[in-house]
Amino acid sequence: MNIGKLRHRVSLQSSTATANEFGEKIPAWSTYATVWAEIMPLQGRELENAQQISEKCDFEIFIRYNSAVQSTHRVIFGSRTFEIQAVLNIEERNAKLKLICTEIR
């Protein structure tokens, strides 16, 4: 792994369900790790849903291996939020993870 490419500081967050005053379950996100990452855009596309155009961008985010990362978690980079779609252990060596993510807008 070329550590020089890990130049972005990101936070990894997991969700826990909490109840509001009406008893409804709402997600509460908490940061469990702050790590260095490489963020690379994969593609961008526009989707037309109900006559509204929405943008969707996919990204690859590379980080050092962390066994706690799951596809139900998310990544925060500055004011941007990325939803993790898949967690891939590169070459199964427990050295580097590739996170396939979609930016939430």
PDB file of N, CA and C in Angstrom:
ATOM      1  N   MET A   1       0.840  -1.170   0.000  1.00  0.00           N
ATOM      2  CA  MET A   1       0.000   0.000   0.000  1.00  0.00           C
ATOM      3  C   MET A   1       0.883   1.231   0.000  1.00  0.00           C
ATOM      4  N   ASN A   2       0.589   2.148  -0.879  1.00  0.00           N
ATOM      5  CA  ASN A   2       1.311   3.410  -0.949  1.00  0.00           C
ATOM      6  C   ASN A   2       0.650   4.392   0.011  1.00  0.00           C
ATOM      7  N   ILE A   3       1.263   4.603   1.177  1.00  0.00           N
ATOM      8  CA  ILE A   3       0.631   5.435   2.196  1.00  0.00           C
ATOM      9  C   ILE A   3       0.571   6.901   1.790  1.00  0.00           C
ATOM     10  N   GLY A   4       1.337   7.302   0.796  1.00  0.00           N
ATOM     11  CA  GLY A   4       1.283   8.678   0.317  1.00  0.00           C
ATOM     12  C   GLY A   4      -0.062   9.017  -0.304  1.00  0.00           C
ATOM     13  N   LYS A   5      -0.779   8.029  -0.794  1.00  0.00           N
ATOM     14  CA  LYS A   5      -2.092   8.269  -1.388  1.00  0.00           C
ATOM     15  C   LYS A   5      -3.186   8.429  -0.339  1.00  0.00           C
ATOM     16  N   LEU A   6      -2.924   8.011   0.892  1.00  0.00           N
ATOM     17  CA  LEU A   6      -3.901   8.132   1.976  1.00  0.00           C
ATOM     18  C   LEU A   6      -3.804   9.541   2.552  1.00  0.00           C
ATOM     19  N   ARG A   7      -4.385  10.510   1.853  1.00  0.00           N
ATOM     20  CA  ARG A   7      -4.211  11.906   2.237  1.00  0.00           C
ATOM     21  C   ARG A   7      -5.479  12.566   2.762  1.00  0.00           C
ATOM     22  N   HIS A   8      -6.595  11.840   2.771  1.00  0.00           N
ATOM     23  CA  HIS A   8      -7.857  12.391   3.247  1.00  0.00           C
ATOM     24  C   HIS A   8      -8.179  11.828   4.629  1.00  0.00           C
ATOM     25  N   ARG A   9      -8.532  12.698   5.553  1.00  0.00           N
ATOM     26  CA  ARG A   9      -8.905  12.264   6.896  1.00  0.00           C
ATOM     27  C   ARG A   9     -10.412  12.055   6.915  1.00  0.00           C
ATOM     28  N   VAL A  10     -10.852  10.835   7.192  1.00  0.00           N
ATOM     29  CA  VAL A  10     -12.278  10.501   7.192  1.00  0.00           C
ATOM     30  C   VAL A  10     -12.673   9.875   8.519  1.00  0.00           C
ATOM     31  N   SER A  11     -13.958   9.937   8.803  1.00  0.00           N
ATOM     32  CA  SER A  11     -14.513   9.309   9.999  1.00  0.00           C
ATOM     33  C   SER A  11     -15.399   8.154   9.579  1.00  0.00           C
ATOM     34  N   LEU A  12     -15.293   7.048  10.290  1.00  0.00           N
ATOM     35  CA  LEU A  12     -16.148   5.889  10.071  1.00  0.00           C
ATOM     36  C   LEU A  12     -17.219   5.904  11.145  1.00  0.00           C
ATOM     37  N   GLN A  13     -18.489   5.757  10.720  1.00  0.00           N
ATOM     38  CA  GLN A  13     -19.590   5.846  11.665  1.00  0.00           C
ATOM     39  C   GLN A  13     -20.484   4.615  11.592  1.00  0.00           C
ATOM     40  N   SER A  14     -21.021   4.234  12.748  1.00  0.00           N
ATOM     41  CA  SER A  14     -21.998   3.147  12.806  1.00  0.00           C
ATOM     42  C   SER A  14     -23.297   3.704  13.368  1.00  0.00           C
ATOM     43  N   SER A  15     -24.377   3.002  13.112  1.00  0.00           N
ATOM     44  CA  SER A  15     -25.698   3.467  13.505  1.00  0.00           C
ATOM     45  C   SER A  15     -26.255   2.626  14.645  1.00  0.00           C
ATOM     46  N   THR A  16     -26.926   3.283  15.549  1.00  0.00           N
ATOM     47  CA  THR A  16     -27.694   2.600  16.586  1.00  0.00           C
ATOM     48  C   THR A  16     -29.095   3.192  16.571  1.00  0.00           C
ATOM     49  N   ALA A  17     -30.075   2.378  16.837  1.00  0.00           N
ATOM     50  CA  ALA A  17     -31.459   2.852  16.835  1.00  0.00           C
ATOM     51  C   ALA A  17     -31.807   3.421  18.202  1.00  0.00           C
ATOM     52  N   THR A  18     -32.335   4.639  18.198  1.00  0.00           N
ATOM     53  CA  THR A  18     -32.808   5.261  19.429  1.00  0.00           C
ATOM     54  C   THR A  18     -34.277   5.624  19.231  1.00  0.00           C
ATOM     55  N   ALA A  19     -34.984   5.761  20.301  1.00  0.00           N
ATOM     56  CA  ALA A  19     -36.409   6.097  20.225  1.00  0.00           C
ATOM     57  C   ALA A  19     -36.610   7.572  20.558  1.00  0.00           C
ATOM     58  N   ASN A  20     -37.485   8.234  19.800  1.00  0.00           N
ATOM     59  CA  ASN A  20     -37.815   9.622  20.101  1.00  0.00           C
ATOM     60  C   ASN A  20     -38.972   9.656  21.103  1.00  0.00           C
ATOM     61  N   GLU A  21     -39.518  10.851  21.348  1.00  0.00           N
ATOM     62  CA  GLU A  21     -40.576  10.982  22.363  1.00  0.00           C
ATOM     63  C   GLU A  21     -41.874  10.265  21.984  1.00  0.00           C
ATOM     64  N   PHE A  22     -42.033   9.907  20.702  1.00  0.00           N
ATOM     65  CA  PHE A  22     -43.219   9.187  20.252  1.00  0.00           C
ATOM     66  C   PHE A  22     -42.987   7.681  20.164  1.00  0.00           C
ATOM     67  N   GLY A  23     -41.795   7.230  20.510  1.00  0.00           N
ATOM     68  CA  GLY A  23     -41.470   5.817  20.466  1.00  0.00           C
ATOM     69  C   GLY A  23     -40.999   5.325  19.110  1.00  0.00           C
ATOM     70  N   GLU A  24     -40.850   6.240  18.153  1.00  0.00           N
ATOM     71  CA  GLU A  24     -40.367   5.866  16.827  1.00  0.00           C
ATOM     72  C   GLU A  24     -38.863   5.650  16.880  1.00  0.00           C
ATOM     73  N   LYS A  25     -38.398   4.632  16.156  1.00  0.00           N
ATOM     74  CA  LYS A  25     -36.961   4.368  16.116  1.00  0.00           C
ATOM     75  C   LYS A  25     -36.321   5.243  15.052  1.00  0.00           C
ATOM     76  N   ILE A  26     -35.293   5.962  15.454  1.00  0.00           N
ATOM     77  CA  ILE A  26     -34.545   6.802  14.520  1.00  0.00           C
ATOM     78  C   ILE A  26     -33.065   6.451  14.654  1.00  0.00           C
ATOM     79  N   PRO A  27     -32.323   6.499  13.535  1.00  0.00           N
ATOM     80  CA  PRO A  27     -30.896   6.156  13.615  1.00  0.00           C
ATOM     81  C   PRO A  27     -30.088   7.284  14.247  1.00  0.00           C
ATOM     82  N   ALA A  28     -29.159   6.905  15.083  1.00  0.00           N
ATOM     83  CA  ALA A  28     -28.211   7.844  15.673  1.00  0.00           C
ATOM     84  C   ALA A  28     -26.815   7.373  15.268  1.00  0.00           C
ATOM     85  N   TRP A  29     -26.076   8.223  14.597  1.00  0.00           N
ATOM     86  CA  TRP A  29     -24.756   7.852  14.089  1.00  0.00           C
ATOM     87  C   TRP A  29     -23.678   8.275  15.078  1.00  0.00           C
ATOM     88  N   SER A  30     -22.704   7.388  15.283  1.00  0.00           N
ATOM     89  CA  SER A  30     -21.573   7.712  16.154  1.00  0.00           C
ATOM     90  C   SER A  30     -20.272   7.283  15.479  1.00  0.00           C
ATOM     91  N   THR A  31     -19.246   8.091  15.658  1.00  0.00           N
ATOM     92  CA  THR A  31     -17.944   7.832  15.061  1.00  0.00           C
ATOM     93  C   THR A  31     -17.192   6.815  15.904  1.00  0.00           C
ATOM     94  N   TYR A  32     -16.699   5.756  15.267  1.00  0.00           N
ATOM     95  CA  TYR A  32     -15.919   4.762  15.997  1.00  0.00           C
ATOM     96  C   TYR A  32     -14.454   4.749  15.571  1.00  0.00           C
ATOM     97  N   ALA A  33     -14.108   5.436  14.472  1.00  0.00           N
ATOM     98  CA  ALA A  33     -12.711   5.514  14.049  1.00  0.00           C
ATOM     99  C   ALA A  33     -12.519   6.708  13.128  1.00  0.00           C
ATOM    100  N   THR A  34     -11.362   7.329  13.232  1.00  0.00           N
ATOM    101  CA  THR A  34     -10.952   8.373  12.302  1.00  0.00           C
ATOM    102  C   THR A  34      -9.658   7.890  11.668  1.00  0.00           C
ATOM    103  N   VAL A  35      -9.662   7.768  10.330  1.00  0.00           N
ATOM    104  CA  VAL A  35      -8.543   7.136   9.627  1.00  0.00           C
ATOM    105  C   VAL A  35      -8.150   7.959   8.399  1.00  0.00           C
ATOM    106  N   TRP A  36      -6.984   7.637   7.839  1.00  0.00           N
ATOM    107  CA  TRP A  36      -6.532   8.228   6.593  1.00  0.00           C
ATOM    108  C   TRP A  36      -7.061   7.382   5.441  1.00  0.00           C
ATOM    109  N   ALA A  37      -7.449   8.054   4.340  1.00  0.00           N
ATOM    110  CA  ALA A  37      -8.063   7.342   3.227  1.00  0.00           C
ATOM    111  C   ALA A  37      -7.670   7.960   1.885  1.00  0.00           C
ATOM    112  N   GLU A  38      -7.853   7.157   0.846  1.00  0.00           N
ATOM    113  CA  GLU A  38      -7.754   7.615  -0.532  1.00  0.00           C
ATOM    114  C   GLU A  38      -9.165   7.539  -1.109  1.00  0.00           C
ATOM    115  N   ILE A  39      -9.637   8.649  -1.668  1.00  0.00           N
ATOM    116  CA  ILE A  39     -10.986   8.706  -2.218  1.00  0.00           C
ATOM    117  C   ILE A  39     -10.894   8.900  -3.723  1.00  0.00           C
ATOM    118  N   MET A  40     -11.512   7.974  -4.472  1.00  0.00           N
ATOM    119  CA  MET A  40     -11.473   8.029  -5.931  1.00  0.00           C
ATOM    120  C   MET A  40     -12.886   7.921  -6.497  1.00  0.00           C
ATOM    121  N   PRO A  41     -13.313   8.875  -7.325  1.00  0.00           N
ATOM    122  CA  PRO A  41     -14.632   8.744  -7.954  1.00  0.00           C
ATOM    123  C   PRO A  41     -14.611   7.655  -9.017  1.00  0.00           C
ATOM    124  N   LEU A  42     -15.687   6.866  -9.076  1.00  0.00           N
ATOM    125  CA  LEU A  42     -15.806   5.817 -10.081  1.00  0.00           C
ATOM    126  C   LEU A  42     -16.584   6.299 -11.288  1.00  0.00           C
ATOM    127  N   GLN A  43     -17.782   6.786 -11.029  1.00  0.00           N
ATOM    128  CA  GLN A  43     -18.631   7.233 -12.124  1.00  0.00           C
ATOM    129  C   GLN A  43     -19.692   8.164 -11.571  1.00  0.00           C
ATOM    130  N   GLY A  44     -20.285   8.913 -12.450  1.00  0.00           N
ATOM    131  CA  GLY A  44     -21.403   9.768 -12.086  1.00  0.00           C
ATOM    132  C   GLY A  44     -22.512   9.530 -13.089  1.00  0.00           C
ATOM    133  N   ARG A  45     -23.707   9.579 -12.610  1.00  0.00           N
ATOM    134  CA  ARG A  45     -24.826   9.389 -13.532  1.00  0.00           C
ATOM    135  C   ARG A  45     -26.031  10.145 -13.000  1.00  0.00           C
ATOM    136  N   GLU A  46     -26.924  10.485 -13.892  1.00  0.00           N
ATOM    137  CA  GLU A  46     -28.147  11.155 -13.504  1.00  0.00           C
ATOM    138  C   GLU A  46     -29.306  10.180 -13.655  1.00  0.00           C
ATOM    139  N   LEU A  47     -30.109  10.108 -12.638  1.00  0.00           N
ATOM    140  CA  LEU A  47     -31.267   9.229 -12.644  1.00  0.00           C
ATOM    141  C   LEU A  47     -32.528  10.074 -12.681  1.00  0.00           C
ATOM    142  N   GLU A  48     -33.478   9.678 -13.509  1.00  0.00           N
ATOM    143  CA  GLU A  48     -34.742  10.392 -13.570  1.00  0.00           C
ATOM    144  C   GLU A  48     -35.787   9.594 -12.812  1.00  0.00           C
ATOM    145  N   ASN A  49     -36.203  10.123 -11.687  1.00  0.00           N
ATOM    146  CA  ASN A  49     -37.207   9.492 -10.846  1.00  0.00           C
ATOM    147  C   ASN A  49     -38.365  10.454 -10.676  1.00  0.00           C
ATOM    148  N   ALA A  50     -39.557  10.034 -11.052  1.00  0.00           N
ATOM    149  CA  ALA A  50     -40.761  10.845 -10.909  1.00  0.00           C
ATOM    150  C   ALA A  50     -40.567  12.221 -11.523  1.00  0.00           C
ATOM    151  N   GLN A  51     -40.004  12.266 -12.691  1.00  0.00           N
ATOM    152  CA  GLN A  51     -39.746  13.481 -13.458  1.00  0.00           C
ATOM    153  C   GLN A  51     -38.828  14.449 -12.732  1.00  0.00           C
ATOM    154  N   GLN A  52     -37.994  13.943 -11.833  1.00  0.00           N
ATOM    155  CA  GLN A  52     -36.986  14.754 -11.167  1.00  0.00           C
ATOM    156  C   GLN A  52     -35.639  14.118 -11.448  1.00  0.00           C
ATOM    157  N   ILE A  53     -34.667  14.926 -11.720  1.00  0.00           N
ATOM    158  CA  ILE A  53     -33.335  14.399 -11.996  1.00  0.00           C
ATOM    159  C   ILE A  53     -32.527  14.445 -10.705  1.00  0.00           C
ATOM    160  N   SER A  54     -31.976  13.299 -10.354  1.00  0.00           N
ATOM    161  CA  SER A  54     -31.114  13.237  -9.174  1.00  0.00           C
ATOM    162  C   SER A  54     -29.755  12.696  -9.598  1.00  0.00           C
ATOM    163  N   GLU A  55     -28.736  13.219  -8.989  1.00  0.00           N
ATOM    164  CA  GLU A  55     -27.381  12.782  -9.304  1.00  0.00           C
ATOM    165  C   GLU A  55     -26.983  11.662  -8.362  1.00  0.00           C
ATOM    166  N   LYS A  56     -26.225  10.733  -8.889  1.00  0.00           N
ATOM    167  CA  LYS A  56     -25.704   9.647  -8.065  1.00  0.00           C
ATOM    168  C   LYS A  56     -24.245   9.451  -8.450  1.00  0.00           C
ATOM    169  N   CYS A  57     -23.379   9.469  -7.463  1.00  0.00           N
ATOM    170  CA  CYS A  57     -21.951   9.297  -7.708  1.00  0.00           C
ATOM    171  C   CYS A  57     -21.436   8.123  -6.892  1.00  0.00           C
ATOM    172  N   ASP A  58     -20.655   7.272  -7.529  1.00  0.00           N
ATOM    173  CA  ASP A  58     -20.041   6.140  -6.843  1.00  0.00           C
ATOM    174  C   ASP A  58     -18.559   6.421  -6.634  1.00  0.00           C
ATOM    175  N   PHE A  59     -18.044   5.954  -5.506  1.00  0.00           N
ATOM    176  CA  PHE A  59     -16.660   6.187  -5.135  1.00  0.00           C
ATOM    177  C   PHE A  59     -16.026   4.914  -4.613  1.00  0.00           C
ATOM    178  N   GLU A  60     -14.711   4.823  -4.769  1.00  0.00           N
ATOM    179  CA  GLU A  60     -13.894   3.816  -4.083  1.00  0.00           C
ATOM    180  C   GLU A  60     -13.121   4.560  -3.014  1.00  0.00           C
ATOM    181  N   ILE A  61     -13.188   4.062  -1.803  1.00  0.00           N
ATOM    182  CA  ILE A  61     -12.432   4.640  -0.705  1.00  0.00           C
ATOM    183  C   ILE A  61     -11.529   3.547  -0.163  1.00  0.00           C
ATOM    184  N   PHE A  62     -10.234   3.804  -0.171  1.00  0.00           N
ATOM    185  CA  PHE A  62      -9.250   2.840   0.317  1.00  0.00           C
ATOM    186  C   PHE A  62      -8.776   3.275   1.695  1.00  0.00           C
ATOM    187  N   ILE A  63      -8.763   2.326   2.639  1.00  0.00           N
ATOM    188  CA  ILE A  63      -8.258   2.576   3.986  1.00  0.00           C
ATOM    189  C   ILE A  63      -7.420   1.384   4.423  1.00  0.00           C
ATOM    190  N   ARG A  64      -6.659   1.555   5.491  1.00  0.00           N
ATOM    191  CA  ARG A  64      -5.970   0.410   6.079  1.00  0.00           C
ATOM    192  C   ARG A  64      -7.005  -0.540   6.661  1.00  0.00           C
ATOM    193  N   TYR A  65      -6.644  -1.800   6.785  1.00  0.00           N
ATOM    194  CA  TYR A  65      -7.568  -2.825   7.267  1.00  0.00           C
ATOM    195  C   TYR A  65      -8.119  -2.465   8.643  1.00  0.00           C
ATOM    196  N   ASN A  66      -9.418  -2.631   8.798  1.00  0.00           N
ATOM    197  CA  ASN A  66     -10.102  -2.430  10.071  1.00  0.00           C
ATOM    198  C   ASN A  66     -11.237  -3.452  10.107  1.00  0.00           C
ATOM    199  N   SER A  67     -11.169  -4.389  11.017  1.00  0.00           N
ATOM    200  CA  SER A  67     -12.155  -5.479  11.051  1.00  0.00           C
ATOM    201  C   SER A  67     -13.554  -5.017  11.461  1.00  0.00           C
ATOM    202  N   ALA A  68     -13.680  -3.800  11.986  1.00  0.00           N
ATOM    203  CA  ALA A  68     -14.979  -3.308  12.445  1.00  0.00           C
ATOM    204  C   ALA A  68     -15.842  -2.754  11.311  1.00  0.00           C
ATOM    205  N   VAL A  69     -15.267  -2.474  10.158  1.00  0.00           N
ATOM    206  CA  VAL A  69     -16.011  -1.839   9.070  1.00  0.00           C
ATOM    207  C   VAL A  69     -17.021  -2.814   8.465  1.00  0.00           C
ATOM    208  N   GLN A  70     -18.267  -2.342   8.320  1.00  0.00           N
ATOM    209  CA  GLN A  70     -19.344  -3.142   7.743  1.00  0.00           C
ATOM    210  C   GLN A  70     -20.076  -2.325   6.684  1.00  0.00           C
ATOM    211  N   SER A  71     -20.829  -3.023   5.850  1.00  0.00           N
ATOM    212  CA  SER A  71     -21.551  -2.341   4.779  1.00  0.00           C
ATOM    213  C   SER A  71     -22.746  -1.534   5.281  1.00  0.00           C
ATOM    214  N   THR A  72     -23.097  -1.651   6.543  1.00  0.00           N
ATOM    215  CA  THR A  72     -24.181  -0.851   7.111  1.00  0.00           C
ATOM    216  C   THR A  72     -23.671   0.469   7.690  1.00  0.00           C
ATOM    217  N   HIS A  73     -22.375   0.690   7.632  1.00  0.00           N
ATOM    218  CA  HIS A  73     -21.766   1.900   8.179  1.00  0.00           C
ATOM    219  C   HIS A  73     -21.685   2.983   7.112  1.00  0.00           C
ATOM    220  N   ARG A  74     -21.163   4.131   7.499  1.00  0.00           N
ATOM    221  CA  ARG A  74     -20.964   5.220   6.544  1.00  0.00           C
ATOM    222  C   ARG A  74     -19.644   5.918   6.804  1.00  0.00           C
ATOM    223  N   VAL A  75     -19.216   6.710   5.807  1.00  0.00           N
ATOM    224  CA  VAL A  75     -17.955   7.441   5.864  1.00  0.00           C
ATOM    225  C   VAL A  75     -18.271   8.929   5.787  1.00  0.00           C
ATOM    226  N   ILE A  76     -17.638   9.720   6.654  1.00  0.00           N
ATOM    227  CA  ILE A  76     -17.798  11.169   6.642  1.00  0.00           C
ATOM    228  C   ILE A  76     -16.462  11.786   6.237  1.00  0.00           C
ATOM    229  N   PHE A  77     -16.511  12.650   5.215  1.00  0.00           N
ATOM    230  CA  PHE A  77     -15.322  13.377   4.756  1.00  0.00           C
ATOM    231  C   PHE A  77     -15.704  14.848   4.659  1.00  0.00           C
ATOM    232  N   GLY A  78     -15.276  15.635   5.648  1.00  0.00           N
ATOM    233  CA  GLY A  78     -15.672  17.039   5.695  1.00  0.00           C
ATOM    234  C   GLY A  78     -17.180  17.134   5.854  1.00  0.00           C
ATOM    235  N   SER A  79     -17.833  17.817   4.916  1.00  0.00           N
ATOM    236  CA  SER A  79     -19.294  17.943   4.959  1.00  0.00           C
ATOM    237  C   SER A  79     -19.986  16.904   4.089  1.00  0.00           C
ATOM    238  N   ARG A  80     -19.219  15.979   3.526  1.00  0.00           N
ATOM    239  CA  ARG A  80     -19.775  14.955   2.636  1.00  0.00           C
ATOM    240  C   ARG A  80     -19.985  13.640   3.386  1.00  0.00           C
ATOM    241  N   THR A  81     -21.047  12.925   2.982  1.00  0.00           N
ATOM    242  CA  THR A  81     -21.384  11.644   3.603  1.00  0.00           C
ATOM    243  C   THR A  81     -21.455  10.578   2.523  1.00  0.00           C
ATOM    244  N   PHE A  82     -20.806   9.441   2.772  1.00  0.00           N
ATOM    245  CA  PHE A  82     -20.777   8.329   1.833  1.00  0.00           C
ATOM    246  C   PHE A  82     -21.390   7.100   2.494  1.00  0.00           C
ATOM    247  N   GLU A  83     -22.347   6.491   1.827  1.00  0.00           N
ATOM    248  CA  GLU A  83     -22.967   5.257   2.295  1.00  0.00           C
ATOM    249  C   GLU A  83     -22.167   4.079   1.744  1.00  0.00           C
ATOM    250  N   ILE A  84     -21.736   3.176   2.607  1.00  0.00           N
ATOM    251  CA  ILE A  84     -20.922   2.039   2.174  1.00  0.00           C
ATOM    252  C   ILE A  84     -21.832   0.973   1.561  1.00  0.00           C
ATOM    253  N   GLN A  85     -21.537   0.583   0.324  1.00  0.00           N
ATOM    254  CA  GLN A  85     -22.291  -0.459  -0.374  1.00  0.00           C
ATOM    255  C   GLN A  85     -21.627  -1.833  -0.215  1.00  0.00           C
ATOM    256  N   ALA A  86     -20.284  -1.846  -0.212  1.00  0.00           N
ATOM    257  CA  ALA A  86     -19.540  -3.112  -0.094  1.00  0.00           C
ATOM    258  C   ALA A  86     -18.193  -2.848   0.559  1.00  0.00           C
ATOM    259  N   VAL A  87     -17.723  -3.837   1.312  1.00  0.00           N
ATOM    260  CA  VAL A  87     -16.407  -3.790   1.955  1.00  0.00           C
ATOM    261  C   VAL A  87     -15.594  -4.948   1.391  1.00  0.00           C
ATOM    262  N   LEU A  88     -14.486  -4.626   0.719  1.00  0.00           N
ATOM    263  CA  LEU A  88     -13.656  -5.655   0.090  1.00  0.00           C
ATOM    264  C   LEU A  88     -12.280  -5.676   0.731  1.00  0.00           C
ATOM    265  N   ASN A  89     -11.866  -6.856   1.191  1.00  0.00           N
ATOM    266  CA  ASN A  89     -10.536  -7.055   1.768  1.00  0.00           C
ATOM    267  C   ASN A  89      -9.598  -7.384   0.605  1.00  0.00           C
ATOM    268  N   ILE A  90      -8.771  -6.430   0.219  1.00  0.00           N
ATOM    269  CA  ILE A  90      -7.909  -6.570  -0.949  1.00  0.00           C
ATOM    270  C   ILE A  90      -6.948  -7.744  -0.749  1.00  0.00           C
ATOM    271  N   GLU A  91      -6.983  -8.691  -1.668  1.00  0.00           N
ATOM    272  CA  GLU A  91      -6.149  -9.896  -1.689  1.00  0.00           C
ATOM    273  C   GLU A  91      -6.254 -10.727  -0.413  1.00  0.00           C
ATOM    274  N   GLU A  92      -7.281 -10.480   0.403  1.00  0.00           N
ATOM    275  CA  GLU A  92      -7.492 -11.230   1.656  1.00  0.00           C
ATOM    276  C   GLU A  92      -6.250 -11.236   2.542  1.00  0.00           C
ATOM    277  N   ARG A  93      -5.537 -10.121   2.574  1.00  0.00           N
ATOM    278  CA  ARG A  93      -4.297 -10.032   3.360  1.00  0.00           C
ATOM    279  C   ARG A  93      -4.455  -9.248   4.656  1.00  0.00           C
ATOM    280  N   ASN A  94      -5.648  -8.735   4.915  1.00  0.00           N
ATOM    281  CA  ASN A  94      -5.899  -7.915   6.102  1.00  0.00           C
ATOM    282  C   ASN A  94      -4.930  -6.730   6.194  1.00  0.00           C
ATOM    283  N   ALA A  95      -4.663  -6.120   5.049  1.00  0.00           N
ATOM    284  CA  ALA A  95      -3.789  -4.956   5.008  1.00  0.00           C
ATOM    285  C   ALA A  95      -4.529  -3.718   4.527  1.00  0.00           C
ATOM    286  N   LYS A  96      -5.446  -3.893   3.570  1.00  0.00           N
ATOM    287  CA  LYS A  96      -6.112  -2.760   2.941  1.00  0.00           C
ATOM    288  C   LYS A  96      -7.553  -3.128   2.629  1.00  0.00           C
ATOM    289  N   LEU A  97      -8.467  -2.165   2.842  1.00  0.00           N
ATOM    290  CA  LEU A  97      -9.866  -2.346   2.500  1.00  0.00           C
ATOM    291  C   LEU A  97     -10.248  -1.398   1.378  1.00  0.00           C
ATOM    292  N   LYS A  98     -11.086  -1.897   0.460  1.00  0.00           N
ATOM    293  CA  LYS A  98     -11.687  -1.045  -0.557  1.00  0.00           C
ATOM    294  C   LYS A  98     -13.162  -0.956  -0.222  1.00  0.00           C
ATOM    295  N   LEU A  99     -13.631   0.266  -0.003  1.00  0.00           N
ATOM    296  CA  LEU A  99     -15.028   0.512   0.296  1.00  0.00           C
ATOM    297  C   LEU A  99     -15.693   1.068  -0.955  1.00  0.00           C
ATOM    298  N   ILE A 100     -16.703   0.383  -1.458  1.00  0.00           N
ATOM    299  CA  ILE A 100     -17.492   0.887  -2.579  1.00  0.00           C
ATOM    300  C   ILE A 100     -18.622   1.697  -1.952  1.00  0.00           C
ATOM    301  N   CYS A 101     -18.672   2.985  -2.287  1.00  0.00           N
ATOM    302  CA  CYS A 101     -19.590   3.893  -1.616  1.00  0.00           C
ATOM    303  C   CYS A 101     -20.409   4.718  -2.601  1.00  0.00           C
ATOM    304  N   THR A 102     -21.532   5.204  -2.123  1.00  0.00           N
ATOM    305  CA  THR A 102     -22.376   6.158  -2.845  1.00  0.00           C
ATOM    306  C   THR A 102     -22.494   7.404  -1.979  1.00  0.00           C
ATOM    307  N   GLU A 103     -22.284   8.562  -2.609  1.00  0.00           N
ATOM    308  CA  GLU A 103     -22.399   9.812  -1.854  1.00  0.00           C
ATOM    309  C   GLU A 103     -23.868  10.130  -1.626  1.00  0.00           C
ATOM    310  N   ILE A 104     -24.183  10.492  -0.392  1.00  0.00           N
ATOM    311  CA  ILE A 104     -25.542  10.879  -0.031  1.00  0.00           C
ATOM    312  C   ILE A 104     -25.640  12.392  -0.174  1.00  0.00           C
ATOM    313  N   ARG A 105     -26.613  12.824  -0.959  1.00  0.00           N
ATOM    314  CA  ARG A 105     -26.787  14.278  -1.164  1.00  0.00           C
ATOM    315  C   ARG A 105     -28.097  14.721  -0.610  1.00  0.00           C
TER     316      ARG A 105
END
